């Protein structure tokens, strides 16, 4: 029986990594000889089962990366910007010269 998951144990470090990506995301070990071969293997895997028709090689990475990106932008713009540049209120009384 084959593993239907989009993840696989890396033969070098043993941690789970994306199955159809060229290199292990954990240790950088080369999983496929080329990205063309990885793409071809993904297409065969996807076409072997009709329930996988909507699967993508990059789905898990895209979701996680998008969440990290949004978290960083919100933290940078809304939190850090306010701390670094506080709103200054103008003095309420005019100075007499």
N, C-alpha and C. Protein backbone atom coordinates (compact mmCIF):
# COMPACT_ATOMS: atom_id res chain seq x y z
N UNK A 1 0.85 -1.18 0.00
CA UNK A 1 0.00 0.00 0.00
C UNK A 1 0.89 1.24 0.00
N UNK A 2 0.55 2.23 -0.81
CA UNK A 2 1.33 3.46 -0.88
C UNK A 2 0.81 4.48 0.10
N UNK A 3 1.66 5.42 0.47
CA UNK A 3 1.30 6.48 1.39
C UNK A 3 0.52 7.55 0.63
N UNK A 4 -0.76 7.80 0.96
CA UNK A 4 -1.54 8.79 0.22
C UNK A 4 -1.30 10.23 0.67
N UNK A 5 -0.42 10.42 1.60
CA UNK A 5 -0.18 11.75 2.16
C UNK A 5 0.73 12.58 1.25
N UNK A 6 0.62 13.89 1.40
CA UNK A 6 1.52 14.79 0.68
C UNK A 6 2.82 15.01 1.45
N UNK A 7 2.99 14.29 2.55
CA UNK A 7 4.24 14.38 3.30
C UNK A 7 4.91 13.02 3.35
N UNK A 8 6.22 13.04 3.58
CA UNK A 8 7.00 11.81 3.62
C UNK A 8 8.15 12.02 4.61
N UNK A 9 8.65 10.94 5.19
CA UNK A 9 9.83 11.04 6.05
C UNK A 9 11.06 11.23 5.18
N UNK A 10 11.87 12.18 5.55
CA UNK A 10 13.13 12.42 4.83
C UNK A 10 14.07 11.26 5.12
N UNK A 11 14.69 10.67 4.09
CA UNK A 11 15.63 9.58 4.33
C UNK A 11 16.90 10.02 5.05
N UNK A 12 17.17 11.31 5.07
CA UNK A 12 18.40 11.83 5.70
C UNK A 12 18.17 12.18 7.18
N UNK A 13 17.14 13.00 7.47
CA UNK A 13 16.94 13.45 8.85
C UNK A 13 15.77 12.76 9.55
N UNK A 14 14.88 12.10 8.78
CA UNK A 14 13.78 11.36 9.37
C UNK A 14 12.55 12.19 9.71
N UNK A 15 12.60 13.50 9.54
CA UNK A 15 11.46 14.34 9.85
C UNK A 15 10.52 14.43 8.64
N UNK A 16 9.25 14.74 8.90
CA UNK A 16 8.28 14.87 7.81
C UNK A 16 8.59 16.10 6.97
N UNK A 17 8.49 15.93 5.68
CA UNK A 17 8.70 17.03 4.74
C UNK A 17 7.74 16.84 3.57
N UNK A 18 7.61 17.85 2.75
CA UNK A 18 6.72 17.77 1.59
C UNK A 18 7.22 16.70 0.63
N UNK A 19 6.33 15.85 0.17
CA UNK A 19 6.70 14.70 -0.64
C UNK A 19 7.19 15.07 -2.03
N UNK A 20 6.58 16.04 -2.68
CA UNK A 20 6.89 16.32 -4.08
C UNK A 20 7.64 17.64 -4.28
N UNK A 21 8.46 18.01 -3.32
CA UNK A 21 9.33 19.18 -3.42
C UNK A 21 10.76 18.66 -3.58
N UNK A 22 11.59 19.39 -4.29
CA UNK A 22 12.95 18.92 -4.61
C UNK A 22 13.80 18.59 -3.38
N UNK A 23 13.78 19.47 -2.38
CA UNK A 23 14.65 19.31 -1.21
C UNK A 23 13.82 19.20 0.06
N UNK A 24 14.36 18.50 1.05
CA UNK A 24 13.74 18.41 2.37
C UNK A 24 13.72 19.80 2.98
N UNK A 25 12.58 20.18 3.53
CA UNK A 25 12.46 21.50 4.15
C UNK A 25 13.16 21.57 5.49
N UNK A 26 13.53 20.43 6.04
CA UNK A 26 14.19 20.40 7.35
C UNK A 26 15.70 20.45 7.25
N UNK A 27 16.29 19.60 6.38
CA UNK A 27 17.75 19.50 6.33
C UNK A 27 18.35 19.84 4.97
N UNK A 28 17.51 20.03 3.94
CA UNK A 28 18.01 20.39 2.62
C UNK A 28 18.42 19.20 1.76
N UNK A 29 18.18 17.98 2.24
CA UNK A 29 18.53 16.77 1.48
C UNK A 29 17.75 16.75 0.17
N UNK A 30 18.40 16.41 -0.92
CA UNK A 30 17.75 16.38 -2.24
C UNK A 30 16.91 15.12 -2.36
N UNK A 31 15.58 15.30 -2.43
CA UNK A 31 14.65 14.18 -2.50
C UNK A 31 14.42 13.70 -3.93
N UNK A 32 14.48 14.60 -4.89
CA UNK A 32 14.23 14.27 -6.30
C UNK A 32 15.41 14.75 -7.13
N UNK A 33 15.74 14.04 -8.22
CA UNK A 33 16.84 14.47 -9.09
C UNK A 33 16.59 15.84 -9.72
N UNK A 34 15.31 16.16 -10.00
CA UNK A 34 14.98 17.46 -10.59
C UNK A 34 13.53 17.81 -10.26
N UNK A 35 13.20 19.08 -10.43
CA UNK A 35 11.82 19.50 -10.18
C UNK A 35 10.88 18.94 -11.23
N UNK A 36 11.39 18.67 -12.43
CA UNK A 36 10.57 18.06 -13.49
C UNK A 36 10.14 16.66 -13.08
N UNK A 37 11.06 15.89 -12.51
CA UNK A 37 10.72 14.54 -12.05
C UNK A 37 9.75 14.59 -10.87
N UNK A 38 9.93 15.55 -9.97
CA UNK A 38 9.02 15.69 -8.83
C UNK A 38 7.61 16.04 -9.32
N UNK A 39 7.52 16.93 -10.30
CA UNK A 39 6.22 17.31 -10.86
C UNK A 39 5.56 16.13 -11.56
N UNK A 40 6.34 15.36 -12.30
CA UNK A 40 5.80 14.18 -13.00
C UNK A 40 5.31 13.14 -11.99
N UNK A 41 6.06 12.92 -10.92
CA UNK A 41 5.65 11.96 -9.89
C UNK A 41 4.37 12.44 -9.20
N UNK A 42 4.26 13.75 -8.97
CA UNK A 42 3.05 14.29 -8.37
C UNK A 42 1.84 14.06 -9.27
N UNK A 43 2.00 14.28 -10.56
CA UNK A 43 0.88 14.09 -11.49
C UNK A 43 0.43 12.64 -11.50
N UNK A 44 1.37 11.70 -11.48
CA UNK A 44 1.01 10.27 -11.43
C UNK A 44 0.28 9.96 -10.13
N UNK A 45 0.79 10.47 -9.01
CA UNK A 45 0.16 10.26 -7.70
C UNK A 45 -1.25 10.83 -7.68
N UNK A 46 -1.41 12.06 -8.20
CA UNK A 46 -2.72 12.72 -8.22
C UNK A 46 -3.71 11.98 -9.11
N UNK A 47 -3.27 11.53 -10.27
CA UNK A 47 -4.16 10.88 -11.23
C UNK A 47 -4.51 9.45 -10.83
N UNK A 48 -3.79 8.86 -9.89
CA UNK A 48 -4.06 7.48 -9.46
C UNK A 48 -5.35 7.37 -8.66
N UNK A 49 -5.82 8.46 -8.09
CA UNK A 49 -7.03 8.44 -7.26
C UNK A 49 -7.87 9.69 -7.58
N UNK A 50 -9.13 9.52 -8.02
CA UNK A 50 -9.97 10.68 -8.36
C UNK A 50 -10.19 11.64 -7.19
N UNK A 51 -10.11 11.18 -5.95
CA UNK A 51 -10.30 12.08 -4.81
C UNK A 51 -9.14 13.07 -4.65
N UNK A 52 -8.03 12.84 -5.33
CA UNK A 52 -6.87 13.73 -5.25
C UNK A 52 -6.84 14.76 -6.37
N UNK A 53 -7.90 14.85 -7.16
CA UNK A 53 -7.91 15.70 -8.34
C UNK A 53 -7.63 17.17 -8.02
N UNK A 54 -8.03 17.64 -6.85
CA UNK A 54 -7.84 19.05 -6.49
C UNK A 54 -6.55 19.28 -5.71
N UNK A 55 -5.76 18.25 -5.50
CA UNK A 55 -4.52 18.40 -4.72
C UNK A 55 -3.49 19.21 -5.49
N UNK A 56 -2.64 19.90 -4.75
CA UNK A 56 -1.57 20.69 -5.34
C UNK A 56 -0.27 20.39 -4.60
N UNK A 57 0.85 20.47 -5.30
CA UNK A 57 2.15 20.23 -4.67
C UNK A 57 2.44 21.25 -3.58
N UNK A 58 1.90 22.44 -3.69
CA UNK A 58 2.29 23.55 -2.83
C UNK A 58 1.22 23.95 -1.83
N UNK A 59 0.09 23.26 -1.75
CA UNK A 59 -1.00 23.64 -0.85
C UNK A 59 -0.57 23.82 0.59
N UNK A 60 0.06 22.82 1.23
CA UNK A 60 0.40 23.00 2.65
C UNK A 60 1.38 24.15 2.87
N UNK A 61 2.29 24.32 1.96
CA UNK A 61 3.29 25.38 2.12
C UNK A 61 2.67 26.75 1.92
N UNK A 62 1.73 26.85 0.99
CA UNK A 62 1.10 28.13 0.70
C UNK A 62 0.29 28.62 1.89
N UNK A 63 -0.47 27.76 2.51
CA UNK A 63 -1.30 28.15 3.65
C UNK A 63 -0.44 28.59 4.82
N UNK A 64 0.55 27.79 5.16
CA UNK A 64 1.42 28.12 6.29
C UNK A 64 2.20 29.41 6.00
N UNK A 65 2.74 29.53 4.82
CA UNK A 65 3.49 30.73 4.45
C UNK A 65 2.62 31.98 4.46
N UNK A 66 1.39 31.85 3.98
CA UNK A 66 0.47 32.99 3.99
C UNK A 66 0.13 33.44 5.40
N UNK A 67 -0.08 32.49 6.29
CA UNK A 67 -0.38 32.85 7.68
C UNK A 67 0.80 33.54 8.36
N UNK A 68 1.99 33.03 8.12
CA UNK A 68 3.19 33.65 8.69
C UNK A 68 3.38 35.06 8.14
N UNK A 69 3.16 35.22 6.85
CA UNK A 69 3.29 36.53 6.22
C UNK A 69 2.29 37.53 6.81
N UNK A 70 1.02 37.12 6.93
CA UNK A 70 0.00 38.02 7.48
C UNK A 70 0.30 38.39 8.93
N UNK A 71 0.74 37.43 9.71
CA UNK A 71 1.10 37.68 11.11
C UNK A 71 2.24 38.71 11.18
N UNK A 72 3.23 38.55 10.33
CA UNK A 72 4.35 39.48 10.31
C UNK A 72 3.95 40.89 9.90
N UNK A 73 3.10 41.00 8.88
CA UNK A 73 2.66 42.32 8.42
C UNK A 73 1.83 43.01 9.49
N UNK A 74 0.90 42.28 10.09
CA UNK A 74 0.06 42.87 11.14
C UNK A 74 0.93 43.31 12.31
N UNK A 75 1.86 42.48 12.73
CA UNK A 75 2.73 42.83 13.84
C UNK A 75 3.61 44.03 13.53
N UNK A 76 4.09 44.09 12.32
CA UNK A 76 4.99 45.17 11.94
C UNK A 76 4.24 46.50 11.80
N UNK A 77 3.13 46.48 11.09
CA UNK A 77 2.40 47.71 10.79
C UNK A 77 1.60 48.20 11.99
N UNK A 78 0.84 47.32 12.62
CA UNK A 78 -0.06 47.75 13.67
C UNK A 78 0.59 47.86 15.04
N UNK A 79 1.51 46.98 15.35
CA UNK A 79 2.08 46.98 16.70
C UNK A 79 3.36 47.80 16.75
N UNK A 80 4.35 47.46 15.95
CA UNK A 80 5.65 48.13 16.00
C UNK A 80 5.58 49.58 15.54
N UNK A 81 4.78 49.86 14.53
CA UNK A 81 4.69 51.22 14.02
C UNK A 81 4.13 52.16 15.09
N UNK A 82 3.18 51.69 15.87
CA UNK A 82 2.60 52.51 16.93
C UNK A 82 3.60 52.74 18.05
N UNK A 83 4.40 51.75 18.37
CA UNK A 83 5.41 51.90 19.43
C UNK A 83 6.54 52.83 19.02
N UNK A 84 6.96 52.74 17.78
CA UNK A 84 8.10 53.55 17.33
C UNK A 84 7.70 55.00 17.07
N UNK A 85 6.50 55.21 16.60
CA UNK A 85 6.05 56.55 16.24
C UNK A 85 4.73 56.84 16.95
N UNK A 86 4.79 57.18 18.25
CA UNK A 86 3.55 57.46 18.96
C UNK A 86 2.90 58.73 18.42
N UNK A 87 1.61 58.78 18.50
CA UNK A 87 0.87 59.96 18.04
C UNK A 87 1.13 61.10 19.01
N UNK A 88 1.58 62.21 18.48
CA UNK A 88 1.85 63.37 19.32
C UNK A 88 0.63 64.28 19.32
N UNK A 89 0.23 64.69 20.50
CA UNK A 89 -0.90 65.61 20.60
C UNK A 89 -0.36 67.03 20.69
N UNK A 90 -0.96 67.96 19.95
CA UNK A 90 -0.48 69.34 20.01
C UNK A 90 -0.81 69.96 21.37
N UNK A 91 0.00 70.89 21.82
CA UNK A 91 -0.28 71.54 23.10
C UNK A 91 -1.61 72.27 23.03
N UNK A 92 -2.35 72.24 24.14
CA UNK A 92 -3.68 72.87 24.16
C UNK A 92 -3.59 74.38 24.42
N UNK A 93 -2.56 74.83 25.10
CA UNK A 93 -2.41 76.27 25.38
C UNK A 93 -1.38 76.87 24.43
N UNK A 94 -1.66 78.06 23.97
CA UNK A 94 -0.70 78.74 23.10
C UNK A 94 0.33 79.45 23.97
N UNK A 95 1.53 79.44 23.52
CA UNK A 95 2.60 80.12 24.25
C UNK A 95 2.58 81.60 23.91
N UNK A 96 2.68 82.46 24.92
CA UNK A 96 2.72 83.92 24.69
C UNK A 96 4.16 84.36 24.57
N UNK A 97 4.44 85.14 23.55
CA UNK A 97 5.80 85.60 23.33
C UNK A 97 5.99 86.97 23.83
